[in-house]
PDB file of N, CA and C in Angstrom:
ATOM      1  N   MET A   1      81.230-155.814 135.596  1.00  0.00           N
ATOM      2  CA  MET A   1      81.359-154.432 135.767  1.00  0.00           C
ATOM      3  C   MET A   1      80.397-154.227 137.062  1.00  0.00           C
ATOM      4  N   ALA A   2      79.523-154.900 136.876  1.00  0.00           N
ATOM      5  CA  ALA A   2      78.351-154.473 138.106  1.00  0.00           C
ATOM      6  C   ALA A   2      79.480-154.173 139.707  1.00  0.00           C
ATOM      7  N   LEU A   3      80.179-155.692 139.834  1.00  0.00           N
ATOM      8  CA  LEU A   3      80.810-155.968 140.853  1.00  0.00           C
ATOM      9  C   LEU A   3      82.098-154.916 141.289  1.00  0.00           C
ATOM     10  N   VAL A   4      82.590-154.263 139.988  1.00  0.00           N
ATOM     11  CA  VAL A   4      83.487-153.040 140.220  1.00  0.00           C
ATOM     12  C   VAL A   4      82.721-151.959 140.635  1.00  0.00           C
ATOM     13  N   ALA A   5      81.858-151.263 139.599  1.00  0.00           N
ATOM     14  CA  ALA A   5      80.961-150.269 139.937  1.00  0.00           C
ATOM     15  C   ALA A   5      80.626-150.351 141.810  1.00  0.00           C
ATOM     16  N   GLU A   6      80.315-151.248 142.083  1.00  0.00           N
ATOM     17  CA  GLU A   6      80.005-151.188 143.729  1.00  0.00           C
ATOM     18  C   GLU A   6      81.295-151.518 144.776  1.00  0.00           C
ATOM     19  N   GLY A   7      82.363-151.599 143.702  1.00  0.00           N
ATOM     20  CA  GLY A   7      83.490-151.383 144.813  1.00  0.00           C
ATOM     21  C   GLY A   7      83.782-152.649 145.535  1.00  0.00           C
ATOM     22  N   ALA A   8      83.607-154.200 144.713  1.00  0.00           N
ATOM     23  CA  ALA A   8      83.201-155.443 145.669  1.00  0.00           C
ATOM     24  C   ALA A   8      84.970-155.846 145.940  1.00  0.00           C
ATOM     25  N   GLY A   9      86.019-155.214 145.087  1.00  0.00           N
ATOM     26  CA  GLY A   9      87.095-155.755 145.655  1.00  0.00           C
ATOM     27  C   GLY A   9      88.322-155.351 144.579  1.00  0.00           C
ATOM     28  N   ALA A  10      89.686-155.633 144.883  1.00  0.00           N
ATOM     29  CA  ALA A  10      90.418-155.704 144.049  1.00  0.00           C
ATOM     30  C   ALA A  10      90.782-156.206 142.752  1.00  0.00           C
ATOM     31  N   LEU A  11      90.186-157.553 142.865  1.00  0.00           N
ATOM     32  CA  LEU A  11      90.052-158.879 142.044  1.00  0.00           C
ATOM     33  C   LEU A  11      89.712-158.664 141.214  1.00  0.00           C
ATOM     34  N   TYR A  12      88.530-157.782 141.427  1.00  0.00           N
ATOM     35  CA  TYR A  12      87.539-157.894 140.285  1.00  0.00           C
ATOM     36  C   TYR A  12      87.517-156.838 139.194  1.00  0.00           C
ATOM     37  N   VAL A  13      88.430-155.768 139.813  1.00  0.00           N
ATOM     38  CA  VAL A  13      88.891-154.532 138.963  1.00  0.00           C
ATOM     39  C   VAL A  13      90.082-155.258 137.989  1.00  0.00           C
ATOM     40  N   VAL A  14      90.755-156.097 138.622  1.00  0.00           N
ATOM     41  CA  VAL A  14      92.009-156.950 137.802  1.00  0.00           C
ATOM     42  C   VAL A  14      91.775-157.716 136.445  1.00  0.00           C
ATOM     43  N   THR A  15      90.435-158.480 137.294  1.00  0.00           N
ATOM     44  CA  THR A  15      89.689-159.437 135.781  1.00  0.00           C
ATOM     45  C   THR A  15      88.961-158.700 135.094  1.00  0.00           C
ATOM     46  N   LEU A  16      88.180-157.567 135.191  1.00  0.00           N
ATOM     47  CA  LEU A  16      87.602-157.141 134.372  1.00  0.00           C
ATOM     48  C   LEU A  16      88.795-156.336 133.377  1.00  0.00           C
ATOM     49  N   ALA A  17      89.989-155.931 134.147  1.00  0.00           N
ATOM     50  CA  ALA A  17      91.000-155.102 133.031  1.00  0.00           C
ATOM     51  C   ALA A  17      91.805-156.559 132.103  1.00  0.00           C
ATOM     52  N   LEU A  18      92.054-157.568 132.966  1.00  0.00           N
ATOM     53  CA  LEU A  18      92.575-158.656 132.107  1.00  0.00           C
ATOM     54  C   LEU A  18      91.303-159.175 130.613  1.00  0.00           C
ATOM     55  N   GLN A  19      89.987-158.910 131.241  1.00  0.00           N
ATOM     56  CA  GLN A  19      89.066-159.680 130.523  1.00  0.00           C
ATOM     57  C   GLN A  19      88.699-158.358 129.013  1.00  0.00           C
ATOM     58  N   LEU A  20      89.169-157.293 129.562  1.00  0.00           N
ATOM     59  CA  LEU A  20      89.024-156.228 128.442  1.00  0.00           C
ATOM     60  C   LEU A  20      89.831-156.319 127.472  1.00  0.00           C
ATOM     61  N   ALA A  21      91.442-156.632 127.873  1.00  0.00           N
ATOM     62  CA  ALA A  21      92.823-156.511 127.425  1.00  0.00           C
ATOM     63  C   ALA A  21      92.461-157.737 126.421  1.00  0.00           C
ATOM     64  N   LEU A  22      91.633-159.071 126.790  1.00  0.00           N
ATOM     65  CA  LEU A  22      91.772-159.932 125.659  1.00  0.00           C
ATOM     66  C   LEU A  22      90.701-159.470 124.730  1.00  0.00           C
ATOM     67  N   LEU A  23      89.842-159.061 125.193  1.00  0.00           N
ATOM     68  CA  LEU A  23      88.453-158.414 124.103  1.00  0.00           C
ATOM     69  C   LEU A  23      89.539-157.445 123.011  1.00  0.00           C
ATOM     70  N   GLY A  24      90.443-156.338 123.702  1.00  0.00           N
ATOM     71  CA  GLY A  24      91.103-155.605 122.799  1.00  0.00           C
ATOM     72  C   GLY A  24      92.258-156.365 122.106  1.00  0.00           C
ATOM     73  N   ALA A  25      92.726-157.737 122.406  1.00  0.00           N
ATOM     74  CA  ALA A  25      93.830-158.075 121.811  1.00  0.00           C
ATOM     75  C   ALA A  25      93.179-158.716 120.494  1.00  0.00           C
ATOM     76  N   ALA A  26      91.868-159.429 120.773  1.00  0.00           N
ATOM     77  CA  ALA A  26      91.071-159.975 119.814  1.00  0.00           C
ATOM     78  C   ALA A  26      90.481-159.085 118.586  1.00  0.00           C
ATOM     79  N   LEU A  27      90.003-158.169 119.042  1.00  0.00           N
ATOM     80  CA  LEU A  27      89.638-157.162 118.151  1.00  0.00           C
ATOM     81  C   LEU A  27      91.040-156.702 117.204  1.00  0.00           C
ATOM     82  N   ALA A  28      92.077-155.972 117.961  1.00  0.00           N
ATOM     83  CA  ALA A  28      93.260-155.809 116.930  1.00  0.00           C
ATOM     84  C   ALA A  28      93.906-157.414 116.515  1.00  0.00           C
ATOM     85  N   GLY A  29      93.605-158.261 116.869  1.00  0.00           N
ATOM     86  CA  GLY A  29      93.886-159.665 115.713  1.00  0.00           C
ATOM     87  C   GLY A  29      93.070-159.886 114.510  1.00  0.00           C
ATOM     88  N   GLY A  30      92.286-158.984 113.959  1.00  0.00           N
ATOM     89  CA  GLY A  30      91.795-158.632 112.824  1.00  0.00           C
ATOM     90  C   GLY A  30      92.216-158.224 112.087  1.00  0.00           C
ATOM     91  N   SER A  31      93.287-157.129 112.467  1.00  0.00           N
ATOM     92  CA  SER A  31      93.844-156.172 111.910  1.00  0.00           C
ATOM     93  C   SER A  31      95.481-156.600 111.570  1.00  0.00           C
ATOM     94  N   LEU A  32      96.323-156.589 112.910  1.00  0.00           N
ATOM     95  CA  LEU A  32      97.728-156.925 113.085  1.00  0.00           C
ATOM     96  C   LEU A  32      97.612-158.813 113.019  1.00  0.00           C
ATOM     97  N   ARG A  33      98.414-158.922 112.220  1.00  0.00           N
ATOM     98  CA  ARG A  33      98.877-160.796 111.733  1.00  0.00           C
ATOM     99  C   ARG A  33      99.807-161.013 113.144  1.00  0.00           C
ATOM    100  N   SER A  34      99.689-161.047 114.567  1.00  0.00           N
ATOM    101  CA  SER A  34     100.538-161.665 115.567  1.00  0.00           C
ATOM    102  C   SER A  34      99.823-162.663 115.905  1.00  0.00           C
ATOM    103  N   ARG A  35     100.466-163.744 116.277  1.00  0.00           N
ATOM    104  CA  ARG A  35     100.509-165.096 116.222  1.00  0.00           C
ATOM    105  C   ARG A  35      99.687-164.790 118.123  1.00  0.00           C
ATOM    106  N   PRO A  36     100.147-164.106 119.282  1.00  0.00           N
ATOM    107  CA  PRO A  36      99.079-163.892 120.306  1.00  0.00           C
ATOM    108  C   PRO A  36      98.203-163.447 120.049  1.00  0.00           C
ATOM    109  N   LEU A  37      97.797-162.431 119.012  1.00  0.00           N
ATOM    110  CA  LEU A  37      96.555-161.642 118.804  1.00  0.00           C
ATOM    111  C   LEU A  37      95.661-162.420 118.251  1.00  0.00           C
ATOM    112  N   LEU A  38      96.468-163.181 117.082  1.00  0.00           N
ATOM    113  CA  LEU A  38      95.397-164.114 116.317  1.00  0.00           C
ATOM    114  C   LEU A  38      94.623-165.513 117.418  1.00  0.00           C
ATOM    115  N   ILE A  39      96.071-165.707 118.461  1.00  0.00           N
ATOM    116  CA  ILE A  39      94.981-166.859 119.233  1.00  0.00           C
ATOM    117  C   ILE A  39      94.157-166.222 119.769  1.00  0.00           C
ATOM    118  N   ALA A  40      93.854-165.327 120.649  1.00  0.00           N
ATOM    119  CA  ALA A  40      92.839-164.210 121.446  1.00  0.00           C
ATOM    120  C   ALA A  40      91.950-163.914 120.680  1.00  0.00           C
ATOM    121  N   ARG A  41      92.137-164.118 119.429  1.00  0.00           N
ATOM    122  CA  ARG A  41      90.690-163.594 118.363  1.00  0.00           C
ATOM    123  C   ARG A  41      90.255-165.310 117.998  1.00  0.00           C
ATOM    124  N   TYR A  42      90.761-166.018 118.336  1.00  0.00           N
ATOM    125  CA  TYR A  42      90.400-167.729 117.773  1.00  0.00           C
ATOM    126  C   TYR A  42      89.492-167.973 119.181  1.00  0.00           C
ATOM    127  N   TYR A  43      90.050-167.668 120.346  1.00  0.00           N
ATOM    128  CA  TYR A  43      89.596-167.827 121.462  1.00  0.00           C
ATOM    129  C   TYR A  43      87.919-167.263 121.497  1.00  0.00           C
ATOM    130  N   VAL A  44      88.270-166.165 121.509  1.00  0.00           N
ATOM    131  CA  VAL A  44      86.966-165.139 121.522  1.00  0.00           C
ATOM    132  C   VAL A  44      85.665-165.155 120.580  1.00  0.00           C
ATOM    133  N   LEU A  45      86.073-165.765 119.462  1.00  0.00           N
ATOM    134  CA  LEU A  45      85.133-165.900 118.234  1.00  0.00           C
ATOM    135  C   LEU A  45      84.952-167.573 118.292  1.00  0.00           C
ATOM    136  N   THR A  46      85.496-168.429 118.807  1.00  0.00           N
ATOM    137  CA  THR A  46      85.101-169.674 119.447  1.00  0.00           C
ATOM    138  C   THR A  46      84.202-169.754 120.732  1.00  0.00           C
ATOM    139  N   THR A  47      84.169-168.755 121.447  1.00  0.00           N
ATOM    140  CA  THR A  47      83.548-168.443 122.785  1.00  0.00           C
ATOM    141  C   THR A  47      82.348-167.858 122.632  1.00  0.00           C
ATOM    142  N   ALA A  48      82.762-167.534 121.325  1.00  0.00           N
ATOM    143  CA  ALA A  48      81.141-166.294 121.058  1.00  0.00           C
ATOM    144  C   ALA A  48      80.212-167.239 120.187  1.00  0.00           C
ATOM    145  N   SER A  49      80.717-168.152 119.467  1.00  0.00           N
ATOM    146  CA  SER A  49      79.914-168.807 118.513  1.00  0.00           C
ATOM    147  C   SER A  49      79.101-170.040 119.357  1.00  0.00           C
ATOM    148  N   LEU A  50      80.015-170.365 120.500  1.00  0.00           N
ATOM    149  CA  LEU A  50      78.953-171.612 121.800  1.00  0.00           C
ATOM    150  C   LEU A  50      78.272-171.139 122.051  1.00  0.00           C
ATOM    151  N   ALA A  51      78.330-169.634 122.832  1.00  0.00           N
ATOM    152  CA  ALA A  51      77.439-169.042 123.357  1.00  0.00           C
ATOM    153  C   ALA A  51      76.105-168.724 122.319  1.00  0.00           C
ATOM    154  N   ALA A  52      76.552-168.429 121.033  1.00  0.00           N
ATOM    155  CA  ALA A  52      75.374-168.239 120.056  1.00  0.00           C
ATOM    156  C   ALA A  52      74.540-169.631 120.055  1.00  0.00           C
ATOM    157  N   GLY A  53      75.137-170.372 119.729  1.00  0.00           N
ATOM    158  CA  GLY A  53      74.392-171.652 119.557  1.00  0.00           C
ATOM    159  C   GLY A  53      73.516-172.436 120.891  1.00  0.00           C
ATOM    160  N   LEU A  54      74.130-172.172 122.072  1.00  0.00           N
ATOM    161  CA  LEU A  54      73.414-172.498 123.144  1.00  0.00           C
ATOM    162  C   LEU A  54      72.282-171.332 123.203  1.00  0.00           C
ATOM    163  N   TRP A  55      72.310-170.221 123.076  1.00  0.00           N
ATOM    164  CA  TRP A  55      71.070-169.329 122.935  1.00  0.00           C
ATOM    165  C   TRP A  55      70.418-169.911 121.956  1.00  0.00           C
ATOM    166  N   ASP A  56      70.842-170.190 120.953  1.00  0.00           N
ATOM    167  CA  ASP A  56      69.758-170.996 119.804  1.00  0.00           C
ATOM    168  C   ASP A  56      69.187-171.976 120.428  1.00  0.00           C
ATOM    169  N   TRP A  57      69.830-173.006 120.596  1.00  0.00           N
ATOM    170  CA  TRP A  57      69.176-174.080 121.516  1.00  0.00           C
ATOM    171  C   TRP A  57      67.833-173.654 122.630  1.00  0.00           C
ATOM    172  N   LEU A  58      68.483-173.007 123.202  1.00  0.00           N
ATOM    173  CA  LEU A  58      67.561-172.529 124.610  1.00  0.00           C
ATOM    174  C   LEU A  58      66.297-171.861 123.983  1.00  0.00           C
ATOM    175  N   ARG A  59      66.539-171.051 122.723  1.00  0.00           N
ATOM    176  CA  ARG A  59      65.223-170.816 122.386  1.00  0.00           C
ATOM    177  C   ARG A  59      64.576-171.503 121.468  1.00  0.00           C
ATOM    178  N   ALA A  60      64.703-172.392 120.453  1.00  0.00           N
ATOM    179  CA  ALA A  60      64.680-173.244 119.536  1.00  0.00           C
ATOM    180  C   ALA A  60      64.041-174.631 119.843  1.00  0.00           C
ATOM    181  N   GLY A  61      65.252-175.039 121.008  1.00  0.00           N
ATOM    182  CA  GLY A  61      65.312-176.155 121.192  1.00  0.00           C
ATOM    183  C   GLY A  61      66.001-177.296 119.715  1.00  0.00           C
ATOM    184  N   THR A  62      66.003-178.569 119.843  1.00  0.00           N
ATOM    185  CA  THR A  62      66.449-179.278 119.151  1.00  0.00           C
ATOM    186  C   THR A  62      65.412-179.970 118.294  1.00  0.00           C
ATOM    187  N   PRO A  63      65.647-180.060 116.999  1.00  0.00           N
ATOM    188  CA  PRO A  63      64.397-180.059 115.678  1.00  0.00           C
ATOM    189  C   PRO A  63      64.046-182.111 115.858  1.00  0.00           C
ATOM    190  N   ALA A  64      62.947-182.141 116.143  1.00  0.00           N
ATOM    191  CA  ALA A  64      62.483-183.706 116.421  1.00  0.00           C
ATOM    192  C   ALA A  64      63.105-184.754 115.729  1.00  0.00           C
ATOM    193  N   GLY A  65      63.255-184.482 114.352  1.00  0.00           N
ATOM    194  CA  GLY A  65      64.028-185.652 113.083  1.00  0.00           C
ATOM    195  C   GLY A  65      64.516-184.608 112.081  1.00  0.00           C
ATOM    196  N   TRP A  66      64.432-185.891 111.227  1.00  0.00           N
ATOM    197  CA  TRP A  66      65.774-184.966 109.763  1.00  0.00           C
ATOM    198  C   TRP A  66      65.104-185.876 108.710  1.00  0.00           C
ATOM    199  N   ASP A  67      65.139-185.323 107.842  1.00  0.00           N
ATOM    200  CA  ASP A  67      64.435-185.603 106.678  1.00  0.00           C
ATOM    201  C   ASP A  67      65.866-186.218 105.689  1.00  0.00           C
ATOM    202  N   ALA A  68      65.260-187.203 104.575  1.00  0.00           N
ATOM    203  CA  ALA A  68      66.207-188.004 104.117  1.00  0.00           C
ATOM    204  C   ALA A  68      66.448-187.129 103.043  1.00  0.00           C
ATOM    205  N   ALA A  69      67.896-187.249 102.471  1.00  0.00           N
ATOM    206  CA  ALA A  69      68.211-186.288 101.677  1.00  0.00           C
ATOM    207  C   ALA A  69      67.643-187.035 100.124  1.00  0.00           C
ATOM    208  N   GLU A  70      67.519-185.963  99.302  1.00  0.00           N
ATOM    209  CA  GLU A  70      66.809-186.467  97.495  1.00  0.00           C
ATOM    210  C   GLU A  70      67.825-187.506  97.255  1.00  0.00           C
ATOM    211  N   GLY A  71      67.299-188.343  96.240  1.00  0.00           N
ATOM    212  CA  GLY A  71      67.950-189.829  96.037  1.00  0.00           C
ATOM    213  C   GLY A  71      68.597-190.901  96.862  1.00  0.00           C
ATOM    214  N   THR A  72      67.790-191.063  98.170  1.00  0.00           N
ATOM    215  CA  THR A  72      68.448-192.124  98.917  1.00  0.00           C
ATOM    216  C   THR A  72      67.454-192.932  98.927  1.00  0.00           C
ATOM    217  N   ARG A  73      67.435-193.910  99.672  1.00  0.00           N
ATOM    218  CA  ARG A  73      66.509-194.999  99.602  1.00  0.00           C
ATOM    219  C   ARG A  73      65.226-194.724 100.803  1.00  0.00           C
TER     220      ARG A  73
END
């Protein structure tokens, strides 16, 4: 959005429009059960969950170990 605001070029305007269209289709996929909208919703939710997992890993890191489950040797 910052590049579009600075007037960097038509390519950025088209890219932003496509990105907003994808997000709109994903939002519509929650209420309208159309295959293309559901695919857009799946893509956006999968990408968002990966980004959330990366953010959590960058903030907290990976735990050093694991505890054995109850009742195991």
